[in-house]
PDB file of N, CA and C in Angstrom:
ATOM      1  N   MET A   1     -19.195   1.918  -2.248  1.00  0.00           N
ATOM      2  CA  MET A   1     -18.512   2.912  -3.060  1.00  0.00           C
ATOM      3  C   MET A   1     -17.009   2.738  -2.884  1.00  0.00           C
ATOM      4  N   ALA A   2     -16.284   2.824  -3.983  1.00  0.00           N
ATOM      5  CA  ALA A   2     -14.831   2.634  -3.960  1.00  0.00           C
ATOM      6  C   ALA A   2     -14.128   3.923  -3.541  1.00  0.00           C
ATOM      7  N   ASN A   3     -13.159   3.787  -2.664  1.00  0.00           N
ATOM      8  CA  ASN A   3     -12.358   4.909  -2.206  1.00  0.00           C
ATOM      9  C   ASN A   3     -10.954   4.782  -2.768  1.00  0.00           C
ATOM     10  N   LYS A   4     -10.225   5.892  -2.783  1.00  0.00           N
ATOM     11  CA  LYS A   4      -8.835   5.875  -3.210  1.00  0.00           C
ATOM     12  C   LYS A   4      -7.976   5.427  -2.030  1.00  0.00           C
ATOM     13  N   LEU A   5      -7.227   4.346  -2.210  1.00  0.00           N
ATOM     14  CA  LEU A   5      -6.361   3.803  -1.173  1.00  0.00           C
ATOM     15  C   LEU A   5      -4.912   4.054  -1.566  1.00  0.00           C
ATOM     16  N   ILE A   6      -4.104   4.533  -0.628  1.00  0.00           N
ATOM     17  CA  ILE A   6      -2.693   4.801  -0.880  1.00  0.00           C
ATOM     18  C   ILE A   6      -1.878   3.732  -0.176  1.00  0.00           C
ATOM     19  N   LEU A   7      -0.910   3.149  -0.899  1.00  0.00           N
ATOM     20  CA  LEU A   7      -0.076   2.087  -0.362  1.00  0.00           C
ATOM     21  C   LEU A   7       1.329   2.608  -0.119  1.00  0.00           C
ATOM     22  N   ALA A   8       1.883   2.293   1.067  1.00  0.00           N
ATOM     23  CA  ALA A   8       3.227   2.731   1.434  1.00  0.00           C
ATOM     24  C   ALA A   8       4.088   1.514   1.719  1.00  0.00           C
ATOM     25  N   CYS A   9       5.363   1.611   1.389  1.00  0.00           N
ATOM     26  CA  CYS A   9       6.326   0.542   1.623  1.00  0.00           C
ATOM     27  C   CYS A   9       6.504   0.354   3.127  1.00  0.00           C
ATOM     28  N   SER A  10       6.531  -0.903   3.575  1.00  0.00           N
ATOM     29  CA  SER A  10       6.676  -1.172   5.007  1.00  0.00           C
ATOM     30  C   SER A  10       8.116  -0.985   5.485  1.00  0.00           C
ATOM     31  N   GLU A  11       9.092  -1.001   4.575  1.00  0.00           N
ATOM     32  CA  GLU A  11      10.494  -0.853   4.971  1.00  0.00           C
ATOM     33  C   GLU A  11      10.959   0.598   4.969  1.00  0.00           C
ATOM     34  N   CYS A  12      10.738   1.306   3.863  1.00  0.00           N
ATOM     35  CA  CYS A  12      11.256   2.676   3.768  1.00  0.00           C
ATOM     36  C   CYS A  12      10.181   3.736   3.991  1.00  0.00           C
ATOM     37  N   GLY A  13       8.897   3.369   3.870  1.00  0.00           N
ATOM     38  CA  GLY A  13       7.813   4.300   4.125  1.00  0.00           C
ATOM     39  C   GLY A  13       7.407   5.162   2.945  1.00  0.00           C
ATOM     40  N   SER A  14       8.021   4.967   1.785  1.00  0.00           N
ATOM     41  CA  SER A  14       7.650   5.790   0.628  1.00  0.00           C
ATOM     42  C   SER A  14       6.293   5.343   0.089  1.00  0.00           C
ATOM     43  N   ARG A  15       5.499   6.307  -0.333  1.00  0.00           N
ATOM     44  CA  ARG A  15       4.153   6.049  -0.844  1.00  0.00           C
ATOM     45  C   ARG A  15       4.230   5.933  -2.358  1.00  0.00           C
ATOM     46  N   ASN A  16       4.245   4.700  -2.847  1.00  0.00           N
ATOM     47  CA  ASN A  16       4.502   4.429  -4.257  1.00  0.00           C
ATOM     48  C   ASN A  16       3.252   4.175  -5.088  1.00  0.00           C
ATOM     49  N   TYR A  17       2.229   3.591  -4.503  1.00  0.00           N
ATOM     50  CA  TYR A  17       1.094   3.121  -5.274  1.00  0.00           C
ATOM     51  C   TYR A  17      -0.220   3.660  -4.718  1.00  0.00           C
ATOM     52  N   SER A  18      -1.208   3.779  -5.605  1.00  0.00           N
ATOM     53  CA  SER A  18      -2.573   4.092  -5.198  1.00  0.00           C
ATOM     54  C   SER A  18      -3.503   3.182  -5.976  1.00  0.00           C
ATOM     55  N   THR A  19      -4.592   2.785  -5.347  1.00  0.00           N
ATOM     56  CA  THR A  19      -5.562   1.894  -5.955  1.00  0.00           C
ATOM     57  C   THR A  19      -6.946   2.258  -5.447  1.00  0.00           C
ATOM     58  N   GLN A  20      -7.960   1.685  -6.052  1.00  0.00           N
ATOM     59  CA  GLN A  20      -9.316   1.925  -5.610  1.00  0.00           C
ATOM     60  C   GLN A  20      -9.862   0.660  -4.988  1.00  0.00           C
ATOM     61  N   GLY A  21     -10.613   0.813  -3.908  1.00  0.00           N
ATOM     62  CA  GLY A  21     -11.213  -0.334  -3.249  1.00  0.00           C
ATOM     63  C   GLY A  21     -12.039   0.099  -2.070  1.00  0.00           C
ATOM     64  N   LYS A  22     -12.629  -0.874  -1.414  1.00  0.00           N
ATOM     65  CA  LYS A  22     -13.439  -0.598  -0.240  1.00  0.00           C
ATOM     66  C   LYS A  22     -12.581  -0.710   1.002  1.00  0.00           C
ATOM     67  N   ALA A  23     -12.717   0.227   1.907  1.00  0.00           N
ATOM     68  CA  ALA A  23     -12.023   0.167   3.194  1.00  0.00           C
ATOM     69  C   ALA A  23     -12.838  -0.735   4.104  1.00  0.00           C
ATOM     70  N   ASN A  24     -12.244  -1.864   4.506  1.00  0.00           N
ATOM     71  CA  ASN A  24     -12.955  -2.782   5.382  1.00  0.00           C
ATOM     72  C   ASN A  24     -12.502  -2.585   6.816  1.00  0.00           C
ATOM     73  N   GLY A  25     -13.322  -2.982   7.754  1.00  0.00           N
ATOM     74  CA  GLY A  25     -13.037  -2.802   9.167  1.00  0.00           C
ATOM     75  C   GLY A  25     -12.109  -3.867   9.733  1.00  0.00           C
ATOM     76  N   ASP A  26     -11.792  -4.896   8.949  1.00  0.00           N
ATOM     77  CA  ASP A  26     -10.967  -6.001   9.437  1.00  0.00           C
ATOM     78  C   ASP A  26      -9.513  -5.597   9.625  1.00  0.00           C
ATOM     79  N   GLY A  27      -9.032  -4.717   8.800  1.00  0.00           N
ATOM     80  CA  GLY A  27      -7.636  -4.322   8.859  1.00  0.00           C
ATOM     81  C   GLY A  27      -7.254  -3.590   7.590  1.00  0.00           C
ATOM     82  N   ARG A  28      -5.980  -3.371   7.443  1.00  0.00           N
ATOM     83  CA  ARG A  28      -5.510  -2.628   6.279  1.00  0.00           C
ATOM     84  C   ARG A  28      -5.046  -3.585   5.191  1.00  0.00           C
ATOM     85  N   LEU A  29      -5.162  -3.116   3.973  1.00  0.00           N
ATOM     86  CA  LEU A  29      -4.774  -3.894   2.815  1.00  0.00           C
ATOM     87  C   LEU A  29      -3.256  -4.045   2.781  1.00  0.00           C
ATOM     88  N   GLU A  30      -2.760  -5.251   2.522  1.00  0.00           N
ATOM     89  CA  GLU A  30      -1.331  -5.510   2.404  1.00  0.00           C
ATOM     90  C   GLU A  30      -1.082  -6.263   1.109  1.00  0.00           C
ATOM     91  N   ILE A  31      -0.227  -5.700   0.251  1.00  0.00           N
ATOM     92  CA  ILE A  31       0.105  -6.303  -1.032  1.00  0.00           C
ATOM     93  C   ILE A  31       1.616  -6.267  -1.206  1.00  0.00           C
ATOM     94  N   LYS A  32       2.182  -7.333  -1.760  1.00  0.00           N
ATOM     95  CA  LYS A  32       3.610  -7.358  -2.037  1.00  0.00           C
ATOM     96  C   LYS A  32       3.829  -6.757  -3.420  1.00  0.00           C
ATOM     97  N   LYS A  33       4.539  -5.613  -3.481  1.00  0.00           N
ATOM     98  CA  LYS A  33       4.782  -4.895  -4.724  1.00  0.00           C
ATOM     99  C   LYS A  33       6.240  -4.450  -4.780  1.00  0.00           C
ATOM    100  N   PHE A  34       6.672  -3.971  -5.953  1.00  0.00           N
ATOM    101  CA  PHE A  34       8.038  -3.508  -6.130  1.00  0.00           C
ATOM    102  C   PHE A  34       8.181  -2.074  -5.626  1.00  0.00           C
ATOM    103  N   CYS A  35       9.198  -1.828  -4.809  1.00  0.00           N
ATOM    104  CA  CYS A  35       9.505  -0.487  -4.322  1.00  0.00           C
ATOM    105  C   CYS A  35      10.733   0.016  -5.063  1.00  0.00           C
ATOM    106  N   SER A  36      10.603   1.126  -5.762  1.00  0.00           N
ATOM    107  CA  SER A  36      11.721   1.664  -6.529  1.00  0.00           C
ATOM    108  C   SER A  36      12.777   2.293  -5.630  1.00  0.00           C
ATOM    109  N   THR A  37      12.413   2.714  -4.423  1.00  0.00           N
ATOM    110  CA  THR A  37      13.380   3.280  -3.490  1.00  0.00           C
ATOM    111  C   THR A  37      14.259   2.184  -2.896  1.00  0.00           C
ATOM    112  N   CYS A  38      13.644   1.085  -2.470  1.00  0.00           N
ATOM    113  CA  CYS A  38      14.389  -0.054  -1.916  1.00  0.00           C
ATOM    114  C   CYS A  38      14.992  -0.927  -3.012  1.00  0.00           C
ATOM    115  N   ASN A  39      14.455  -0.831  -4.210  1.00  0.00           N
ATOM    116  CA  ASN A  39      14.883  -1.595  -5.381  1.00  0.00           C
ATOM    117  C   ASN A  39      14.669  -3.105  -5.185  1.00  0.00           C
ATOM    118  N   LYS A  40      13.540  -3.473  -4.533  1.00  0.00           N
ATOM    119  CA  LYS A  40      13.180  -4.873  -4.343  1.00  0.00           C
ATOM    120  C   LYS A  40      11.692  -4.972  -4.040  1.00  0.00           C
ATOM    121  N   HIS A  41      11.173  -6.196  -4.044  1.00  0.00           N
ATOM    122  CA  HIS A  41       9.775  -6.434  -3.723  1.00  0.00           C
ATOM    123  C   HIS A  41       9.596  -6.435  -2.213  1.00  0.00           C
ATOM    124  N   THR A  42       8.670  -5.609  -1.719  1.00  0.00           N
ATOM    125  CA  THR A  42       8.389  -5.506  -0.296  1.00  0.00           C
ATOM    126  C   THR A  42       6.882  -5.472  -0.081  1.00  0.00           C
ATOM    127  N   VAL A  43       6.462  -5.628   1.155  1.00  0.00           N
ATOM    128  CA  VAL A  43       5.050  -5.551   1.507  1.00  0.00           C
ATOM    129  C   VAL A  43       4.655  -4.077   1.573  1.00  0.00           C
ATOM    130  N   HIS A  44       3.588  -3.720   0.877  1.00  0.00           N
ATOM    131  CA  HIS A  44       3.054  -2.362   0.903  1.00  0.00           C
ATOM    132  C   HIS A  44       1.744  -2.393   1.670  1.00  0.00           C
ATOM    133  N   LYS A  45       1.583  -1.502   2.634  1.00  0.00           N
ATOM    134  CA  LYS A  45       0.393  -1.449   3.469  1.00  0.00           C
ATOM    135  C   LYS A  45      -0.417  -0.201   3.179  1.00  0.00           C
ATOM    136  N   GLN A  46      -1.707  -0.296   3.395  1.00  0.00           N
ATOM    137  CA  GLN A  46      -2.611   0.828   3.209  1.00  0.00           C
ATOM    138  C   GLN A  46      -2.362   1.890   4.279  1.00  0.00           C
ATOM    139  N   THR A  47      -2.293   3.149   3.877  1.00  0.00           N
ATOM    140  CA  THR A  47      -2.113   4.256   4.818  1.00  0.00           C
ATOM    141  C   THR A  47      -3.459   4.874   5.120  1.00  0.00           C
ATOM    142  N   LYS A  48      -3.478   5.825   6.029  1.00  0.00           N
ATOM    143  CA  LYS A  48      -4.721   6.506   6.401  1.00  0.00           C
ATOM    144  C   LYS A  48      -5.170   7.453   5.332  1.00  0.00           C
TER     145      LYS A  48
END
């Protein structure tokens, strides 16, 4: 079953994106996306 995952910027900590997916036990999802607060592309990590 797909859960709602929230992604936060690794530099400024703002929560910009949400997506659906499975939470795996290996680690947290990391995607490089655009942060409007930092005004550049940064790594966004899955939050709790």
